[in-house]
Amino acid sequence: MITPNEYASNELLKNELQRILNDLTPREAKVLKLRYGLEDGRPHTLEEVGKEFNVTRERIRQIEAKALRKLRHPTRSKKLGDWRM
């Protein structure tokens, strides 16, 4: 059973994550959400995400890498604070 503190912490993390993902293009954000299971709790493979977007898994890998590079950039990584990758 989750404690009220854990619930509050999870909600804060979700809100912060959404705010950070808003810095990406909608496509990049969706790719990361699918790849890391942020929407349904199940990480999706490159192949699965590629089918969703009707592109190759290599293209999804490239989109994912670009999105992560953006998030790791010093101007954006400050927003990650304690959640830093």
C-alpha atoms as a PDB file:
ATOM      1  CA  MET A   1       0.000   0.000   0.000  1.00  0.00           C
ATOM      2  CA  ILE A   2       1.300   3.428  -0.926  1.00  0.00           C
ATOM      3  CA  THR A   3       1.687   6.032   1.799  1.00  0.00           C
ATOM      4  CA  PRO A   4       0.378   9.591   1.420  1.00  0.00           C
ATOM      5  CA  ASN A   5       3.979  10.837   1.203  1.00  0.00           C
ATOM      6  CA  GLU A   6       4.814   8.357  -1.561  1.00  0.00           C
ATOM      7  CA  TYR A   7       1.661   9.334  -3.443  1.00  0.00           C
ATOM      8  CA  ALA A   8       2.509  13.035  -3.162  1.00  0.00           C
ATOM      9  CA  SER A   9       6.065  12.375  -4.296  1.00  0.00           C
ATOM     10  CA  ASN A  10       4.826  10.372  -7.290  1.00  0.00           C
ATOM     11  CA  GLU A  11       2.411  13.149  -8.256  1.00  0.00           C
ATOM     12  CA  LEU A  12       5.153  15.767  -8.030  1.00  0.00           C
ATOM     13  CA  LEU A  13       7.413  13.616 -10.185  1.00  0.00           C
ATOM     14  CA  LYS A  14       4.659  13.113 -12.786  1.00  0.00           C
ATOM     15  CA  ASN A  15       3.951  16.842 -12.934  1.00  0.00           C
ATOM     16  CA  GLU A  16       7.639  17.707 -13.198  1.00  0.00           C
ATOM     17  CA  LEU A  17       8.178  15.086 -15.881  1.00  0.00           C
ATOM     18  CA  GLN A  18       5.274  16.451 -17.927  1.00  0.00           C
ATOM     19  CA  ARG A  19       6.664  19.972 -17.617  1.00  0.00           C
ATOM     20  CA  ILE A  20      10.059  18.772 -18.828  1.00  0.00           C
ATOM     21  CA  LEU A  21       8.586  16.777 -21.712  1.00  0.00           C
ATOM     22  CA  ASN A  22       6.741  19.913 -22.837  1.00  0.00           C
ATOM     23  CA  ASP A  23      10.146  21.244 -23.944  1.00  0.00           C
ATOM     24  CA  LEU A  24      10.278  18.518 -26.596  1.00  0.00           C
ATOM     25  CA  THR A  25       8.325  18.227 -29.808  1.00  0.00           C
ATOM     26  CA  PRO A  26       5.091  16.258 -29.405  1.00  0.00           C
ATOM     27  CA  ARG A  27       6.641  13.404 -31.381  1.00  0.00           C
ATOM     28  CA  GLU A  28       9.782  13.272 -29.231  1.00  0.00           C
ATOM     29  CA  ALA A  29       7.718  13.371 -26.035  1.00  0.00           C
ATOM     30  CA  LYS A  30       5.432  10.580 -27.250  1.00  0.00           C
ATOM     31  CA  VAL A  31       8.418   8.420 -28.245  1.00  0.00           C
ATOM     32  CA  LEU A  32       9.970   8.796 -24.779  1.00  0.00           C
ATOM     33  CA  LYS A  33       6.646   8.133 -23.056  1.00  0.00           C
ATOM     34  CA  LEU A  34       6.201   4.928 -25.033  1.00  0.00           C
ATOM     35  CA  ARG A  35       9.812   3.764 -24.786  1.00  0.00           C
ATOM     36  CA  TYR A  36       9.966   4.243 -21.013  1.00  0.00           C
ATOM     37  CA  GLY A  37       6.396   3.182 -20.224  1.00  0.00           C
ATOM     38  CA  LEU A  38       5.368   6.568 -18.887  1.00  0.00           C
ATOM     39  CA  GLU A  39       1.819   6.255 -20.202  1.00  0.00           C
ATOM     40  CA  ASP A  40       0.813   2.674 -19.520  1.00  0.00           C
ATOM     41  CA  GLY A  41       3.577   1.419 -17.232  1.00  0.00           C
ATOM     42  CA  ARG A  42       5.000  -0.866 -19.920  1.00  0.00           C
ATOM     43  CA  PRO A  43       8.144   0.087 -21.841  1.00  0.00           C
ATOM     44  CA  HIS A  44       7.666  -0.446 -25.565  1.00  0.00           C
ATOM     45  CA  THR A  45      10.323  -1.742 -27.931  1.00  0.00           C
ATOM     46  CA  LEU A  46      11.773   0.299 -30.765  1.00  0.00           C
ATOM     47  CA  GLU A  47       9.822  -1.957 -33.113  1.00  0.00           C
ATOM     48  CA  GLU A  48       6.508  -1.323 -31.333  1.00  0.00           C
ATOM     49  CA  VAL A  49       7.009   2.432 -31.270  1.00  0.00           C
ATOM     50  CA  GLY A  50       8.080   2.379 -34.907  1.00  0.00           C
ATOM     51  CA  LYS A  51       4.827   0.681 -35.868  1.00  0.00           C
ATOM     52  CA  GLU A  52       2.869   3.330 -33.966  1.00  0.00           C
ATOM     53  CA  PHE A  53       4.575   6.077 -35.980  1.00  0.00           C
ATOM     54  CA  ASN A  54       4.873   4.047 -39.180  1.00  0.00           C
ATOM     55  CA  VAL A  55       8.664   4.424 -39.264  1.00  0.00           C
ATOM     56  CA  THR A  56      11.607   2.078 -38.764  1.00  0.00           C
ATOM     57  CA  ARG A  57      12.977   1.187 -35.361  1.00  0.00           C
ATOM     58  CA  GLU A  58      16.211   2.929 -36.372  1.00  0.00           C
ATOM     59  CA  ARG A  59      14.283   6.167 -36.900  1.00  0.00           C
ATOM     60  CA  ILE A  60      12.702   5.784 -33.453  1.00  0.00           C
ATOM     61  CA  ARG A  61      16.160   5.205 -31.966  1.00  0.00           C
ATOM     62  CA  GLN A  62      17.320   8.448 -33.597  1.00  0.00           C
ATOM     63  CA  ILE A  63      14.302  10.404 -32.320  1.00  0.00           C
ATOM     64  CA  GLU A  64      14.796   8.982 -28.828  1.00  0.00           C
ATOM     65  CA  ALA A  65      18.514   9.846 -28.845  1.00  0.00           C
ATOM     66  CA  LYS A  66      17.820  13.400 -30.004  1.00  0.00           C
ATOM     67  CA  ALA A  67      15.165  13.896 -27.320  1.00  0.00           C
ATOM     68  CA  LEU A  68      17.487  12.600 -24.597  1.00  0.00           C
ATOM     69  CA  ARG A  69      20.288  14.872 -25.860  1.00  0.00           C
ATOM     70  CA  LYS A  70      17.921  17.828 -25.583  1.00  0.00           C
ATOM     71  CA  LEU A  71      16.982  16.867 -22.030  1.00  0.00           C
ATOM     72  CA  ARG A  72      20.634  16.443 -21.048  1.00  0.00           C
ATOM     73  CA  HIS A  73      21.580  19.872 -22.380  1.00  0.00           C
ATOM     74  CA  PRO A  74      22.726  22.067 -19.470  1.00  0.00           C
ATOM     75  CA  THR A  75      19.940  24.609 -19.953  1.00  0.00           C
ATOM     76  CA  ARG A  76      17.313  21.887 -19.679  1.00  0.00           C
ATOM     77  CA  SER A  77      18.982  19.472 -17.298  1.00  0.00           C
ATOM     78  CA  LYS A  78      18.736  22.101 -14.544  1.00  0.00           C
ATOM     79  CA  LYS A  79      14.980  21.525 -14.638  1.00  0.00           C
ATOM     80  CA  LEU A  80      15.521  17.867 -13.853  1.00  0.00           C
ATOM     81  CA  GLY A  81      17.017  18.694 -10.467  1.00  0.00           C
ATOM     82  CA  ASP A  82      17.050  15.583  -8.285  1.00  0.00           C
ATOM     83  CA  TRP A  83      15.564  13.492 -11.107  1.00  0.00           C
ATOM     84  CA  ARG A  84      18.616  14.086 -13.332  1.00  0.00           C
ATOM     85  CA  MET A  85      19.519  11.272 -15.750  1.00  0.00           C
END
